[in-house]
Amino acid sequence: MTDADVRATAVSQSEDRIVLAQVMLPADANPSGDVHGGTLMKLADTAGGIAAARHAKRRVVTAIADSMTFEVPVKVGDLVLLEAQVTWVGRTSMEIEVAIFAEKIVTGERKRASLSYFVYVALGPDGRPHEVTPLELHTDAERERFARAEHRRQFRLAQRSHPSS
């Protein structure tokens, strides 16, 4: 498949959505039983990378960990569910939104614990950036998600061209 073939075949957002689940164990947490933010960040990067690679149909690398909120604590014993989906696609890069939910396994109570955005770049066999398939938008919600992602992209580009001292 040539680069032109890749660009000609759009992929829908729903095709790129993935869910990972993992129970949090004592090794994932501090002595108080709160799961380390770094543990959640690593899981989010893994989920985001899978969604990006699935969209690109090739190897990807993390280019930016844009933001990550921590809204409620995740505790040892919680089932962590990570929902990742492609929100924006450029020529070689993709933004992925990753929502993390903490679920009490016994009661089924689930709360969003974190929301993050990552940017990945697709790589060709030579290790250089490679074009990816455009994102097909079907619903108003998908178009709005894409527009918000484009706004974040513009902000990131502005930050890069005007770094703070």
N, C-alpha and C. Protein backbone atom coordinates (compact mmCIF):
# COMPACT_ATOMS: atom_id res chain seq x y z
N MET A 1 0.85 -1.18 0.00
CA MET A 1 0.00 0.00 0.00
C MET A 1 0.89 1.24 0.00
N THR A 2 0.63 2.16 -0.90
CA THR A 2 1.42 3.38 -0.99
C THR A 2 0.89 4.43 -0.02
N ASP A 3 1.67 5.51 0.17
CA ASP A 3 1.21 6.61 1.02
C ASP A 3 -0.10 7.19 0.49
N ALA A 4 -0.25 7.27 -0.82
CA ALA A 4 -1.48 7.80 -1.42
C ALA A 4 -2.66 6.90 -1.08
N ASP A 5 -2.45 5.56 -1.09
CA ASP A 5 -3.51 4.63 -0.73
C ASP A 5 -3.93 4.82 0.73
N VAL A 6 -2.95 5.01 1.61
CA VAL A 6 -3.23 5.21 3.03
C VAL A 6 -4.08 6.45 3.22
N ARG A 7 -3.74 7.55 2.57
CA ARG A 7 -4.48 8.80 2.73
C ARG A 7 -5.88 8.71 2.12
N ALA A 8 -6.09 7.83 1.15
CA ALA A 8 -7.37 7.75 0.45
C ALA A 8 -8.42 6.97 1.23
N THR A 9 -8.01 6.20 2.25
CA THR A 9 -8.92 5.35 2.99
C THR A 9 -9.13 5.91 4.38
N ALA A 10 -10.23 6.61 4.60
CA ALA A 10 -10.51 7.20 5.92
C ALA A 10 -10.97 6.13 6.89
N VAL A 11 -10.69 6.37 8.18
CA VAL A 11 -11.08 5.45 9.23
C VAL A 11 -11.98 6.20 10.20
N SER A 12 -13.06 5.55 10.64
CA SER A 12 -14.00 6.18 11.55
C SER A 12 -13.47 6.17 12.98
N GLN A 13 -13.88 7.18 13.80
CA GLN A 13 -13.46 7.25 15.19
C GLN A 13 -13.86 6.00 15.96
N SER A 14 -15.02 5.47 15.69
CA SER A 14 -15.48 4.30 16.45
C SER A 14 -14.62 3.07 16.19
N GLU A 15 -13.98 2.98 15.03
CA GLU A 15 -13.11 1.84 14.73
C GLU A 15 -11.82 1.89 15.54
N ASP A 16 -11.43 3.06 16.02
CA ASP A 16 -10.17 3.23 16.71
C ASP A 16 -10.30 3.22 18.22
N ARG A 17 -11.49 3.08 18.73
CA ARG A 17 -11.72 3.14 20.17
C ARG A 17 -11.32 1.82 20.81
N ILE A 18 -10.56 1.90 21.91
CA ILE A 18 -10.16 0.68 22.61
C ILE A 18 -10.43 0.84 24.11
N VAL A 19 -10.57 -0.27 24.79
CA VAL A 19 -10.73 -0.28 26.25
C VAL A 19 -9.76 -1.29 26.82
N LEU A 20 -8.99 -0.86 27.82
CA LEU A 20 -8.11 -1.75 28.57
C LEU A 20 -8.62 -1.78 30.01
N ALA A 21 -8.41 -2.90 30.69
CA ALA A 21 -8.82 -3.01 32.09
C ALA A 21 -7.71 -3.69 32.88
N GLN A 22 -7.50 -3.20 34.10
CA GLN A 22 -6.48 -3.79 34.96
C GLN A 22 -6.83 -3.51 36.42
N VAL A 23 -6.69 -4.53 37.26
CA VAL A 23 -6.90 -4.36 38.69
C VAL A 23 -5.64 -3.75 39.29
N MET A 24 -5.82 -2.76 40.15
CA MET A 24 -4.69 -2.11 40.80
C MET A 24 -4.28 -2.90 42.05
N LEU A 25 -2.98 -3.20 42.13
CA LEU A 25 -2.42 -4.01 43.20
C LEU A 25 -1.52 -3.17 44.10
N PRO A 26 -1.12 -3.69 45.26
CA PRO A 26 -0.28 -2.92 46.18
C PRO A 26 1.00 -2.37 45.54
N ALA A 27 1.58 -3.07 44.59
CA ALA A 27 2.80 -2.59 43.94
C ALA A 27 2.55 -1.33 43.10
N ASP A 28 1.28 -1.04 42.79
CA ASP A 28 0.91 0.12 41.97
C ASP A 28 0.70 1.37 42.82
N ALA A 29 0.81 1.24 44.15
CA ALA A 29 0.35 2.32 45.02
C ALA A 29 1.37 2.71 46.08
N ASN A 30 1.06 3.82 46.75
CA ASN A 30 1.87 4.27 47.88
C ASN A 30 1.38 3.56 49.15
N PRO A 31 2.04 3.78 50.30
CA PRO A 31 1.63 3.08 51.53
C PRO A 31 0.20 3.37 51.97
N SER A 32 -0.40 4.46 51.50
CA SER A 32 -1.79 4.78 51.85
C SER A 32 -2.81 4.06 50.97
N GLY A 33 -2.34 3.34 49.97
CA GLY A 33 -3.24 2.61 49.08
C GLY A 33 -3.72 3.40 47.88
N ASP A 34 -3.17 4.61 47.69
CA ASP A 34 -3.51 5.42 46.51
C ASP A 34 -2.58 5.04 45.36
N VAL A 35 -3.15 4.75 44.21
CA VAL A 35 -2.35 4.37 43.04
C VAL A 35 -1.54 5.58 42.58
N HIS A 36 -0.26 5.33 42.26
CA HIS A 36 0.64 6.38 41.80
C HIS A 36 0.14 6.99 40.49
N GLY A 37 0.23 8.31 40.39
CA GLY A 37 -0.12 8.99 39.15
C GLY A 37 0.70 8.49 37.98
N GLY A 38 1.97 8.18 38.23
CA GLY A 38 2.83 7.66 37.17
C GLY A 38 2.37 6.31 36.63
N THR A 39 1.81 5.49 37.50
CA THR A 39 1.25 4.20 37.07
C THR A 39 0.09 4.44 36.12
N LEU A 40 -0.79 5.38 36.49
CA LEU A 40 -1.93 5.70 35.63
C LEU A 40 -1.48 6.32 34.32
N MET A 41 -0.44 7.17 34.39
CA MET A 41 0.07 7.80 33.17
C MET A 41 0.64 6.75 32.21
N LYS A 42 1.38 5.78 32.75
CA LYS A 42 1.93 4.72 31.90
C LYS A 42 0.81 3.92 31.24
N LEU A 43 -0.23 3.57 32.02
CA LEU A 43 -1.36 2.84 31.45
C LEU A 43 -2.07 3.66 30.38
N ALA A 44 -2.22 4.97 30.63
CA ALA A 44 -2.87 5.84 29.65
C ALA A 44 -2.05 5.91 28.36
N ASP A 45 -0.73 5.99 28.49
CA ASP A 45 0.13 6.03 27.31
C ASP A 45 0.04 4.72 26.53
N THR A 46 -0.06 3.61 27.25
CA THR A 46 -0.21 2.31 26.60
C THR A 46 -1.52 2.25 25.82
N ALA A 47 -2.62 2.63 26.47
CA ALA A 47 -3.93 2.60 25.80
C ALA A 47 -3.94 3.55 24.60
N GLY A 48 -3.41 4.76 24.80
CA GLY A 48 -3.35 5.72 23.70
C GLY A 48 -2.51 5.22 22.54
N GLY A 49 -1.38 4.60 22.86
CA GLY A 49 -0.50 4.06 21.82
C GLY A 49 -1.17 2.96 21.02
N ILE A 50 -1.94 2.13 21.69
CA ILE A 50 -2.65 1.05 20.99
C ILE A 50 -3.68 1.65 20.03
N ALA A 51 -4.44 2.65 20.51
CA ALA A 51 -5.45 3.28 19.64
C ALA A 51 -4.77 3.95 18.44
N ALA A 52 -3.64 4.62 18.68
CA ALA A 52 -2.93 5.28 17.58
C ALA A 52 -2.37 4.27 16.58
N ALA A 53 -1.76 3.20 17.08
CA ALA A 53 -1.19 2.17 16.19
C ALA A 53 -2.29 1.47 15.41
N ARG A 54 -3.42 1.27 16.05
CA ARG A 54 -4.55 0.65 15.38
C ARG A 54 -5.03 1.52 14.23
N HIS A 55 -5.08 2.85 14.47
CA HIS A 55 -5.50 3.76 13.41
C HIS A 55 -4.46 3.80 12.29
N ALA A 56 -3.20 3.95 12.68
CA ALA A 56 -2.12 4.11 11.69
C ALA A 56 -1.76 2.81 10.99
N LYS A 57 -2.10 1.70 11.64
CA LYS A 57 -1.73 0.37 11.12
C LYS A 57 -0.22 0.25 10.97
N ARG A 58 0.47 0.83 11.95
CA ARG A 58 1.94 0.78 11.96
C ARG A 58 2.43 1.22 13.33
N ARG A 59 3.72 1.15 13.52
CA ARG A 59 4.35 1.55 14.78
C ARG A 59 4.19 3.05 14.98
N VAL A 60 3.97 3.43 16.24
CA VAL A 60 3.85 4.84 16.59
C VAL A 60 4.75 5.13 17.79
N VAL A 61 5.08 6.39 17.96
CA VAL A 61 5.82 6.83 19.15
C VAL A 61 5.07 8.00 19.79
N THR A 62 5.19 8.10 21.10
CA THR A 62 4.58 9.20 21.82
C THR A 62 5.38 10.46 21.54
N ALA A 63 4.71 11.50 21.09
CA ALA A 63 5.38 12.78 20.82
C ALA A 63 5.08 13.78 21.93
N ILE A 64 3.85 13.75 22.45
CA ILE A 64 3.44 14.73 23.46
C ILE A 64 2.47 14.06 24.43
N ALA A 65 2.71 14.25 25.72
CA ALA A 65 1.71 13.96 26.75
C ALA A 65 1.18 15.34 27.10
N ASP A 66 0.07 15.72 26.48
CA ASP A 66 -0.42 17.10 26.51
C ASP A 66 -0.93 17.51 27.89
N SER A 67 -1.83 16.75 28.45
CA SER A 67 -2.36 17.10 29.76
C SER A 67 -2.95 15.86 30.38
N MET A 68 -3.01 15.88 31.72
CA MET A 68 -3.62 14.76 32.43
C MET A 68 -4.19 15.30 33.73
N THR A 69 -5.47 15.12 33.91
CA THR A 69 -6.11 15.53 35.15
C THR A 69 -6.23 14.31 36.06
N PHE A 70 -6.22 14.55 37.35
CA PHE A 70 -6.49 13.50 38.34
C PHE A 70 -7.67 13.99 39.15
N GLU A 71 -8.83 13.39 38.93
CA GLU A 71 -10.09 13.89 39.48
C GLU A 71 -10.51 13.22 40.78
N VAL A 72 -10.31 11.93 40.88
CA VAL A 72 -10.59 11.19 42.12
C VAL A 72 -9.46 10.19 42.32
N PRO A 73 -9.18 9.84 43.58
CA PRO A 73 -8.11 8.86 43.80
C PRO A 73 -8.52 7.47 43.32
N VAL A 74 -7.52 6.74 42.84
CA VAL A 74 -7.69 5.34 42.47
C VAL A 74 -7.02 4.54 43.58
N LYS A 75 -7.72 3.55 44.09
CA LYS A 75 -7.25 2.79 45.24
C LYS A 75 -6.85 1.37 44.85
N VAL A 76 -5.99 0.78 45.67
CA VAL A 76 -5.66 -0.63 45.51
C VAL A 76 -6.96 -1.42 45.53
N GLY A 77 -7.09 -2.36 44.59
CA GLY A 77 -8.30 -3.17 44.47
C GLY A 77 -9.28 -2.65 43.45
N ASP A 78 -9.14 -1.38 43.06
CA ASP A 78 -10.02 -0.84 42.02
C ASP A 78 -9.71 -1.48 40.67
N LEU A 79 -10.74 -1.68 39.87
CA LEU A 79 -10.57 -2.05 38.48
C LEU A 79 -10.42 -0.75 37.71
N VAL A 80 -9.31 -0.59 37.03
CA VAL A 80 -9.08 0.61 36.23
C VAL A 80 -9.44 0.29 34.79
N LEU A 81 -10.33 1.10 34.23
CA LEU A 81 -10.73 0.97 32.83
C LEU A 81 -10.21 2.18 32.08
N LEU A 82 -9.49 1.94 31.02
CA LEU A 82 -8.95 3.01 30.20
C LEU A 82 -9.64 2.97 28.85
N GLU A 83 -10.29 4.07 28.49
CA GLU A 83 -10.97 4.18 27.20
C GLU A 83 -10.20 5.18 26.35
N ALA A 84 -9.64 4.72 25.26
CA ALA A 84 -8.84 5.57 24.38
C ALA A 84 -9.49 5.65 23.01
N GLN A 85 -9.49 6.88 22.46
CA GLN A 85 -10.02 7.03 21.10
C GLN A 85 -9.30 8.15 20.38
N VAL A 86 -9.17 7.97 19.09
CA VAL A 86 -8.55 8.98 18.24
C VAL A 86 -9.50 10.16 18.15
N THR A 87 -8.98 11.37 18.40
CA THR A 87 -9.82 12.57 18.33
C THR A 87 -9.45 13.46 17.15
N TRP A 88 -8.20 13.33 16.68
CA TRP A 88 -7.73 14.21 15.60
C TRP A 88 -6.61 13.48 14.87
N VAL A 89 -6.56 13.67 13.55
CA VAL A 89 -5.49 13.09 12.73
C VAL A 89 -4.97 14.15 11.78
N GLY A 90 -3.66 14.29 11.74
CA GLY A 90 -2.99 15.16 10.78
C GLY A 90 -2.35 14.31 9.70
N ARG A 91 -1.26 14.80 9.15
CA ARG A 91 -0.58 14.05 8.09
C ARG A 91 0.15 12.83 8.64
N THR A 92 0.91 13.01 9.74
CA THR A 92 1.66 11.90 10.33
C THR A 92 1.38 11.73 11.82
N SER A 93 0.64 12.65 12.40
CA SER A 93 0.40 12.59 13.85
C SER A 93 -1.09 12.45 14.16
N MET A 94 -1.35 12.00 15.39
CA MET A 94 -2.71 11.76 15.85
C MET A 94 -2.81 12.18 17.30
N GLU A 95 -3.95 12.77 17.68
CA GLU A 95 -4.23 13.03 19.09
C GLU A 95 -5.17 11.94 19.57
N ILE A 96 -4.88 11.42 20.76
CA ILE A 96 -5.71 10.39 21.37
C ILE A 96 -6.19 10.90 22.73
N GLU A 97 -7.48 10.79 22.98
CA GLU A 97 -8.04 11.09 24.29
C GLU A 97 -8.12 9.80 25.08
N VAL A 98 -7.64 9.83 26.33
CA VAL A 98 -7.71 8.65 27.19
C VAL A 98 -8.45 9.03 28.47
N ALA A 99 -9.56 8.38 28.71
CA ALA A 99 -10.32 8.56 29.95
C ALA A 99 -10.05 7.33 30.82
N ILE A 100 -9.77 7.58 32.09
CA ILE A 100 -9.52 6.50 33.04
C ILE A 100 -10.67 6.49 34.05
N PHE A 101 -11.25 5.32 34.24
CA PHE A 101 -12.33 5.14 35.21
C PHE A 101 -11.86 4.17 36.28
N ALA A 102 -12.21 4.46 37.54
CA ALA A 102 -11.94 3.56 38.66
C ALA A 102 -13.27 2.94 39.06
N GLU A 103 -13.29 1.62 39.07
CA GLU A 103 -14.51 0.90 39.41
C GLU A 103 -14.29 0.04 40.65
N LYS A 104 -15.21 0.16 41.60
CA LYS A 104 -15.23 -0.74 42.76
C LYS A 104 -15.83 -2.04 42.25
N ILE A 105 -15.04 -3.09 42.19
CA ILE A 105 -15.47 -4.33 41.55
C ILE A 105 -16.73 -4.90 42.18
N VAL A 106 -16.82 -4.89 43.49
CA VAL A 106 -17.95 -5.53 44.17
C VAL A 106 -19.25 -4.76 43.97
N THR A 107 -19.20 -3.43 44.02
CA THR A 107 -20.43 -2.64 43.91
C THR A 107 -20.73 -2.18 42.49
N GLY A 108 -19.70 -2.16 41.63
CA GLY A 108 -19.89 -1.67 40.27
C GLY A 108 -19.85 -0.15 40.18
N GLU A 109 -19.66 0.54 41.32
CA GLU A 109 -19.58 2.01 41.30
C GLU A 109 -18.36 2.42 40.47
N ARG A 110 -18.62 3.30 39.52
CA ARG A 110 -17.55 3.73 38.60
C ARG A 110 -17.50 5.24 38.55
N LYS A 111 -16.27 5.79 38.68
CA LYS A 111 -16.05 7.23 38.58
C LYS A 111 -14.89 7.50 37.63
N ARG A 112 -15.02 8.62 36.90
CA ARG A 112 -13.88 9.01 36.05
C ARG A 112 -12.79 9.52 36.97
N ALA A 113 -11.62 8.94 36.83
CA ALA A 113 -10.47 9.31 37.66
C ALA A 113 -9.51 10.24 36.95
N SER A 114 -9.49 10.18 35.62
CA SER A 114 -8.50 10.96 34.89
C SER A 114 -8.94 11.15 33.45
N LEU A 115 -8.48 12.25 32.86
CA LEU A 115 -8.67 12.51 31.44
C LEU A 115 -7.34 13.04 30.92
N SER A 116 -6.89 12.48 29.80
CA SER A 116 -5.60 12.92 29.26
C SER A 116 -5.62 12.93 27.75
N TYR A 117 -4.67 13.66 27.19
CA TYR A 117 -4.50 13.74 25.73
C TYR A 117 -3.05 13.48 25.41
N PHE A 118 -2.83 12.61 24.42
CA PHE A 118 -1.49 12.27 23.96
C PHE A 118 -1.43 12.48 22.45
N VAL A 119 -0.26 12.82 21.96
CA VAL A 119 -0.03 12.93 20.51
C VAL A 119 1.00 11.88 20.15
N TYR A 120 0.69 11.11 19.11
CA TYR A 120 1.58 10.06 18.61
C TYR A 120 1.92 10.35 17.17
N VAL A 121 3.10 9.92 16.75
CA VAL A 121 3.54 10.05 15.37
C VAL A 121 3.72 8.65 14.82
N ALA A 122 3.18 8.41 13.63
CA ALA A 122 3.34 7.13 12.95
C ALA A 122 4.71 7.08 12.30
N LEU A 123 5.32 5.90 12.36
CA LEU A 123 6.66 5.73 11.78
C LEU A 123 6.64 4.70 10.66
N GLY A 124 7.42 5.01 9.63
CA GLY A 124 7.59 4.06 8.55
C GLY A 124 8.71 3.08 8.88
N PRO A 125 8.99 2.15 7.98
CA PRO A 125 10.04 1.15 8.21
C PRO A 125 11.42 1.77 8.44
N ASP A 126 11.60 2.99 7.91
CA ASP A 126 12.89 3.67 8.06
C ASP A 126 12.98 4.46 9.38
N GLY A 127 11.91 4.40 10.19
CA GLY A 127 11.91 5.12 11.46
C GLY A 127 11.56 6.59 11.34
N ARG A 128 11.21 7.03 10.16
CA ARG A 128 10.83 8.43 9.92
C ARG A 128 9.30 8.56 9.97
N PRO A 129 8.78 9.78 10.24
CA PRO A 129 7.33 9.96 10.24
C PRO A 129 6.70 9.48 8.93
N HIS A 130 5.54 8.85 9.06
CA HIS A 130 4.86 8.25 7.92
C HIS A 130 3.41 8.73 7.89
N GLU A 131 2.88 8.97 6.72
CA GLU A 131 1.50 9.44 6.60
C GLU A 131 0.52 8.41 7.15
N VAL A 132 -0.58 8.95 7.71
CA VAL A 132 -1.62 8.09 8.25
C VAL A 132 -2.95 8.37 7.57
N THR A 133 -3.84 7.43 7.74
CA THR A 133 -5.18 7.53 7.17
C THR A 133 -5.96 8.66 7.84
N PRO A 134 -6.69 9.45 7.08
CA PRO A 134 -7.52 10.51 7.69
C PRO A 134 -8.59 9.91 8.60
N LEU A 135 -9.12 10.74 9.44
CA LEU A 135 -10.19 10.34 10.35
C LEU A 135 -11.53 10.69 9.73
N GLU A 136 -12.41 9.73 9.66
CA GLU A 136 -13.74 9.93 9.09
C GLU A 136 -14.69 10.34 10.22
N LEU A 137 -15.35 11.46 10.06
CA LEU A 137 -16.25 11.98 11.08
C LEU A 137 -17.69 11.82 10.62
N HIS A 138 -18.51 11.11 11.41
CA HIS A 138 -19.89 10.83 11.01
C HIS A 138 -20.93 11.63 11.78
N THR A 139 -20.65 11.93 13.04
CA THR A 139 -21.66 12.54 13.90
C THR A 139 -21.23 13.95 14.31
N ASP A 140 -22.20 14.70 14.80
CA ASP A 140 -21.89 16.04 15.32
C ASP A 140 -20.93 15.94 16.50
N ALA A 141 -21.11 14.93 17.34
CA ALA A 141 -20.21 14.75 18.50
C ALA A 141 -18.78 14.49 18.04
N GLU A 142 -18.61 13.69 16.99
CA GLU A 142 -17.26 13.42 16.47
C GLU A 142 -16.66 14.69 15.87
N ARG A 143 -17.46 15.47 15.15
CA ARG A 143 -16.96 16.72 14.57
C ARG A 143 -16.57 17.71 15.67
N GLU A 144 -17.36 17.77 16.74
CA GLU A 144 -17.05 18.66 17.86
C GLU A 144 -15.77 18.21 18.56
N ARG A 145 -15.61 16.90 18.77
CA ARG A 145 -14.40 16.35 19.39
C ARG A 145 -13.18 16.70 18.54
N PHE A 146 -13.31 16.58 17.23
CA PHE A 146 -12.22 16.90 16.31
C PHE A 146 -11.89 18.39 16.39
N ALA A 147 -12.91 19.26 16.44
CA ALA A 147 -12.69 20.70 16.52
C ALA A 147 -11.97 21.08 17.82
N ARG A 148 -12.37 20.46 18.94
CA ARG A 148 -11.68 20.73 20.21
C ARG A 148 -10.23 20.26 20.14
N ALA A 149 -10.00 19.13 19.49
CA ALA A 149 -8.64 18.62 19.33
C ALA A 149 -7.81 19.56 18.46
N GLU A 150 -8.41 20.09 17.42
CA GLU A 150 -7.70 21.05 16.55
C GLU A 150 -7.34 22.30 17.34
N HIS A 151 -8.23 22.74 18.22
CA HIS A 151 -7.94 23.89 19.07
C HIS A 151 -6.75 23.59 19.99
N ARG A 152 -6.72 22.39 20.60
CA ARG A 152 -5.57 22.01 21.44
C ARG A 152 -4.29 21.97 20.62
N ARG A 153 -4.39 21.48 19.38
CA ARG A 153 -3.22 21.43 18.50
C ARG A 153 -2.69 22.83 18.24
N GLN A 154 -3.59 23.76 17.93
CA GLN A 154 -3.16 25.15 17.68
C GLN A 154 -2.49 25.74 18.92
N PHE A 155 -3.02 25.44 20.09
CA PHE A 155 -2.43 25.91 21.33
C PHE A 155 -1.03 25.32 21.52
N ARG A 156 -0.87 24.02 21.27
CA ARG A 156 0.45 23.38 21.39
C ARG A 156 1.45 24.00 20.43
N LEU A 157 1.01 24.25 19.20
CA LEU A 157 1.90 24.88 18.21
C LEU A 157 2.31 26.28 18.65
N ALA A 158 1.36 27.04 19.19
CA ALA A 158 1.68 28.39 19.67
C ALA A 158 2.66 28.33 20.84
N GLN A 159 2.48 27.36 21.73
CA GLN A 159 3.40 27.21 22.87
C GLN A 159 4.81 26.88 22.39
N ARG A 160 4.90 26.05 21.36
CA ARG A 160 6.20 25.64 20.85
C ARG A 160 6.93 26.83 20.19
N SER A 161 6.18 27.69 19.53
CA SER A 161 6.81 28.83 18.84
C SER A 161 7.09 30.00 19.78
N HIS A 162 6.46 29.99 20.98
CA HIS A 162 6.68 31.04 21.98
C HIS A 162 6.91 30.42 23.35
N PRO A 163 8.02 29.67 23.53
CA PRO A 163 8.24 29.01 24.82
C PRO A 163 8.45 30.06 25.92
N SER A 164 8.00 29.70 27.12
CA SER A 164 8.18 30.62 28.26
C SER A 164 9.63 30.54 28.72
N SER A 165 10.11 31.64 29.30
CA SER A 165 11.51 31.66 29.73
C SER A 165 11.67 31.11 31.10
